Amino acid sequence: METGASKVERGKDKVYEVLRQRVVGGRYKPGTQLKEEPLARELGVSRTPVRTALRRLVEEGLATADAGQGIHVAAWSEWDIEETFQLRMLLEPYAASLAAERGDEEMLKILKDSNERMASAIRDGGPHSVEKIQAANSTFHRTILDYSASPRLRAMLETIIDMPIIVRSFHLYEPAQLEQSLHHHQDLVLAMEAKDGELARQVMRLHLRMSYHRFMKRRSEYQGLGAPG
């Protein structure tokens, strides 16, 4: 039976997830002020869970808190972008190697399903294809992190896998580049099926380095991307 305290915690987590997805997905642009009272009214909750959620966003680097200025969606400097990619390239290949060794059939099923959804979105195109690709990509990478079964890696990687700068970069990809990214995902699944941790590590490293170079080549275009409709 769920206690009152557990219900409160679950409510706080739900508010946090809603606000986090809005920031990551680009609904709130960098510099947007996040005010407790309007958000609480919109979400139909008290100000307490909103305050807790905003504090978590600040701790994760998704928002900034300045004395007397309130809380704002974080802007990204060149160094922020560079550091985020470099941290992923250092840590996520290790997560992939652990997942290859520790994962099971359920993990493989989730990974293959996300690849199928990504392939379908690339093939079909349409106004919402990028959002579908983003969602499938997020599921893929988060599943690998989950099955690495490493609390330390989760603490370090969870807050940067879906950073806005990376999520929104899908708008810059050409069809051939999306296909290449999908092929890397498929190769990762093959490594996972073989339980070959070193191969999974190498494929993930290649995948992330290619993503990094694609983005850095066209990073000036990122500033021109508006929030998705």
Protein backbone atom coordinates (compact mmCIF):
# COMPACT_ATOMS: atom_id res chain seq x y z
CA MET A 1 0.00 0.00 0.00
CA GLU A 2 1.36 3.40 -0.99
CA THR A 3 1.94 5.77 1.91
CA GLY A 4 1.31 9.50 1.91
CA ALA A 5 5.04 10.19 1.87
CA SER A 6 5.60 7.97 -1.18
CA LYS A 7 2.76 9.70 -3.02
CA VAL A 8 4.40 13.07 -2.34
CA GLU A 9 7.75 11.82 -3.64
CA ARG A 10 6.12 10.38 -6.75
CA GLY A 11 4.39 13.72 -7.35
CA LYS A 12 7.71 15.56 -7.07
CA ASP A 13 9.32 13.17 -9.54
CA LYS A 14 6.49 13.67 -12.03
CA VAL A 15 6.81 17.46 -11.92
CA TYR A 16 10.57 17.17 -12.35
CA GLU A 17 10.23 14.85 -15.37
CA VAL A 18 7.74 17.20 -17.06
CA LEU A 19 9.96 20.24 -16.60
CA ARG A 20 13.12 18.35 -17.56
CA GLN A 21 11.58 17.11 -20.80
CA ARG A 22 10.44 20.62 -21.66
CA VAL A 23 13.93 22.00 -21.17
CA VAL A 24 15.66 19.15 -22.99
CA GLY A 25 13.15 19.16 -25.84
CA GLY A 26 13.58 22.89 -26.46
CA ARG A 27 10.14 24.06 -25.33
CA TYR A 28 11.87 26.55 -23.04
CA LYS A 29 14.62 28.49 -24.81
CA PRO A 30 17.92 29.36 -23.08
CA GLY A 31 17.43 32.33 -20.78
CA THR A 32 13.71 31.67 -20.17
CA GLN A 33 12.81 32.35 -16.56
CA LEU A 34 11.15 29.45 -14.74
CA LYS A 35 8.76 30.84 -12.14
CA GLU A 36 7.33 28.67 -9.38
CA GLU A 37 3.83 30.09 -9.14
CA PRO A 38 2.84 30.04 -12.85
CA LEU A 39 4.32 26.55 -13.27
CA ALA A 40 2.48 25.29 -10.20
CA ARG A 41 -0.83 26.65 -11.53
CA GLU A 42 -0.22 25.15 -14.97
CA LEU A 43 0.69 21.72 -13.58
CA GLY A 44 -2.03 21.74 -10.94
CA VAL A 45 0.32 21.25 -7.99
CA SER A 46 1.59 23.24 -5.04
CA ARG A 47 4.76 25.30 -5.29
CA THR A 48 6.75 22.79 -3.20
CA PRO A 49 7.24 20.08 -5.89
CA VAL A 50 7.95 22.79 -8.46
CA ARG A 51 10.60 24.31 -6.19
CA THR A 52 12.16 20.87 -5.70
CA ALA A 53 12.14 20.19 -9.45
CA LEU A 54 13.75 23.54 -10.26
CA ARG A 55 16.46 22.89 -7.69
CA ARG A 56 17.23 19.55 -9.38
CA LEU A 57 17.42 21.23 -12.79
CA VAL A 58 19.95 23.70 -11.39
CA GLU A 59 22.00 20.87 -9.84
CA GLU A 60 22.09 19.12 -13.22
CA GLY A 61 23.21 22.21 -15.09
CA LEU A 62 19.97 22.52 -17.06
CA ALA A 63 19.08 25.77 -15.29
CA THR A 64 20.91 28.54 -13.44
CA ALA A 65 20.03 30.27 -10.19
CA ASP A 66 21.29 33.79 -9.54
CA ALA A 67 20.60 35.73 -6.37
CA GLY A 68 17.80 38.18 -7.03
CA GLN A 69 17.45 37.06 -10.65
CA GLY A 70 15.46 33.86 -10.25
CA ILE A 71 15.95 30.59 -12.12
CA HIS A 72 16.56 30.55 -15.87
CA VAL A 73 17.06 27.86 -18.50
CA ALA A 74 20.81 27.47 -18.95
CA ALA A 75 22.51 28.87 -22.03
CA TRP A 76 25.34 26.94 -23.66
CA SER A 77 28.85 28.26 -24.17
CA GLU A 78 31.38 26.74 -26.55
CA TRP A 79 33.09 25.17 -23.54
CA ASP A 80 29.81 23.66 -22.26
CA ILE A 81 29.28 22.00 -25.64
CA GLU A 82 32.84 20.72 -25.84
CA GLU A 83 32.84 19.38 -22.29
CA THR A 84 29.51 17.59 -22.69
CA PHE A 85 30.65 15.74 -25.79
CA GLN A 86 34.04 14.91 -24.28
CA LEU A 87 32.48 13.49 -21.12
CA ARG A 88 30.16 11.29 -23.15
CA MET A 89 33.03 10.04 -25.29
CA LEU A 90 34.95 9.10 -22.14
CA LEU A 91 32.14 7.48 -20.16
CA GLU A 92 29.51 6.05 -22.48
CA PRO A 93 31.80 3.56 -24.28
CA TYR A 94 32.49 2.04 -20.86
CA ALA A 95 28.75 1.87 -20.18
CA ALA A 96 28.31 0.05 -23.51
CA SER A 97 30.98 -2.50 -22.63
CA LEU A 98 29.30 -3.22 -19.29
CA ALA A 99 25.86 -3.50 -20.89
CA ALA A 100 27.22 -5.99 -23.45
CA GLU A 101 28.46 -8.18 -20.63
CA ARG A 102 25.53 -7.75 -18.25
CA GLY A 103 22.53 -7.29 -20.56
CA ASP A 104 19.83 -9.87 -21.28
CA GLU A 105 17.22 -10.68 -23.91
CA GLU A 106 14.92 -7.97 -22.63
CA MET A 107 17.65 -5.37 -23.20
CA LEU A 108 18.18 -6.62 -26.76
CA LYS A 109 14.44 -6.45 -27.41
CA ILE A 110 14.27 -2.82 -26.27
CA LEU A 111 17.32 -1.84 -28.32
CA LYS A 112 16.01 -3.52 -31.47
CA ASP A 113 12.59 -1.95 -31.04
CA SER A 114 14.08 1.53 -30.69
CA ASN A 115 16.16 0.93 -33.83
CA GLU A 116 13.05 -0.11 -35.74
CA ARG A 117 11.25 3.05 -34.63
CA MET A 118 14.24 5.17 -35.63
CA ALA A 119 14.44 3.46 -39.04
CA SER A 120 10.71 3.99 -39.61
CA ALA A 121 10.94 7.71 -38.74
CA ILE A 122 13.92 8.19 -41.07
CA ARG A 123 12.15 6.36 -43.87
CA ASP A 124 8.75 8.03 -43.49
CA GLY A 125 9.98 11.57 -42.89
CA GLY A 126 7.23 14.10 -42.17
CA PRO A 127 6.96 17.09 -39.84
CA HIS A 128 7.39 15.05 -36.66
CA SER A 129 10.13 12.70 -37.84
CA VAL A 130 12.93 14.45 -35.91
CA GLU A 131 11.00 14.23 -32.64
CA LYS A 132 10.41 10.49 -33.24
CA ILE A 133 14.09 9.96 -34.02
CA GLN A 134 15.07 11.84 -30.87
CA ALA A 135 12.74 9.70 -28.75
CA ALA A 136 14.05 6.44 -30.22
CA ASN A 137 17.65 7.59 -29.80
CA SER A 138 17.04 8.53 -26.17
CA THR A 139 15.50 5.13 -25.43
CA PHE A 140 18.47 3.38 -27.05
CA HIS A 141 21.16 5.21 -25.10
CA ARG A 142 19.27 5.20 -21.80
CA THR A 143 18.66 1.46 -22.09
CA ILE A 144 22.38 0.85 -22.47
CA LEU A 145 23.01 3.01 -19.42
CA ASP A 146 20.34 1.13 -17.44
CA TYR A 147 21.81 -2.27 -18.28
CA SER A 148 25.36 -1.19 -17.48
CA ALA A 149 24.06 -1.63 -13.92
CA SER A 150 26.51 0.93 -12.57
CA PRO A 151 25.10 3.51 -10.14
CA ARG A 152 28.24 5.62 -10.52
CA LEU A 153 27.97 5.75 -14.29
CA ARG A 154 24.26 6.57 -14.00
CA ALA A 155 25.01 9.47 -11.69
CA MET A 156 27.60 10.85 -14.10
CA LEU A 157 25.93 10.15 -17.45
CA GLU A 158 22.21 10.42 -16.87
CA THR A 159 22.22 14.20 -16.81
CA ILE A 160 24.14 14.63 -20.06
CA ILE A 161 22.78 11.91 -22.38
CA ASP A 162 19.73 14.03 -23.21
CA MET A 163 21.25 17.49 -22.93
CA PRO A 164 19.45 20.02 -25.17
CA ILE A 165 22.55 20.74 -27.22
CA ILE A 166 22.67 17.08 -28.27
CA VAL A 167 18.95 16.48 -28.65
CA ARG A 168 18.43 19.51 -30.87
CA SER A 169 21.42 18.58 -33.04
CA PHE A 170 19.21 16.05 -34.84
CA HIS A 171 17.69 19.00 -36.70
CA LEU A 172 21.08 19.52 -38.35
CA TYR A 173 21.48 15.96 -39.61
CA GLU A 174 21.07 15.09 -43.27
CA PRO A 175 19.25 11.82 -44.16
CA ALA A 176 22.52 10.00 -44.92
CA GLN A 177 23.91 11.05 -41.54
CA LEU A 178 20.81 9.77 -39.76
CA GLU A 179 21.21 6.47 -41.58
CA GLN A 180 24.83 6.28 -40.50
CA SER A 181 23.85 6.90 -36.89
CA LEU A 182 21.26 4.13 -37.14
CA HIS A 183 23.88 1.74 -38.56
CA HIS A 184 26.05 2.43 -35.51
CA HIS A 185 23.10 1.53 -33.28
CA GLN A 186 22.61 -1.70 -35.21
CA ASP A 187 26.29 -2.56 -34.88
CA LEU A 188 26.03 -1.95 -31.15
CA VAL A 189 23.17 -4.44 -30.96
CA LEU A 190 25.34 -7.03 -32.74
CA ALA A 191 28.09 -6.44 -30.17
CA MET A 192 25.54 -6.79 -27.36
CA GLU A 193 24.21 -10.04 -28.82
CA ALA A 194 27.76 -11.40 -28.95
CA LYS A 195 28.38 -10.15 -25.38
CA ASP A 196 31.55 -8.58 -26.75
CA GLY A 197 32.27 -5.74 -24.36
CA GLU A 198 35.35 -4.47 -26.18
CA LEU A 199 33.56 -4.32 -29.53
CA ALA A 200 30.64 -2.47 -27.92
CA ARG A 201 33.12 -0.02 -26.44
CA GLN A 202 34.77 0.64 -29.81
CA VAL A 203 31.49 1.04 -31.71
CA MET A 204 30.10 3.45 -29.10
CA ARG A 205 33.30 5.49 -29.19
CA LEU A 206 33.09 5.73 -33.00
CA HIS A 207 29.39 6.61 -32.84
CA LEU A 208 29.94 9.46 -30.39
CA ARG A 209 33.03 10.83 -32.14
CA MET A 210 31.14 10.96 -35.44
CA SER A 211 28.26 12.77 -33.72
CA TYR A 212 30.72 15.21 -32.17
CA HIS A 213 32.40 16.04 -35.48
CA ARG A 214 29.06 16.40 -37.28
CA PHE A 215 27.83 18.84 -34.70
CA MET A 216 31.02 20.87 -34.41
CA LYS A 217 31.14 21.25 -38.20
CA ARG A 218 27.69 22.86 -38.19
CA ARG A 219 27.49 24.23 -34.64
CA SER A 220 26.85 27.80 -35.82
CA GLU A 221 23.53 26.61 -37.24
CA TYR A 222 22.41 25.37 -33.82
CA GLN A 223 21.79 28.92 -32.62
CA GLY A 224 19.26 29.37 -35.39
CA LEU A 225 17.10 26.46 -34.31
CA GLY A 226 13.86 27.49 -32.68
CA ALA A 227 11.92 25.40 -30.19
CA PRO A 228 9.96 22.60 -31.82
CA GLY A 229 6.32 23.27 -32.53
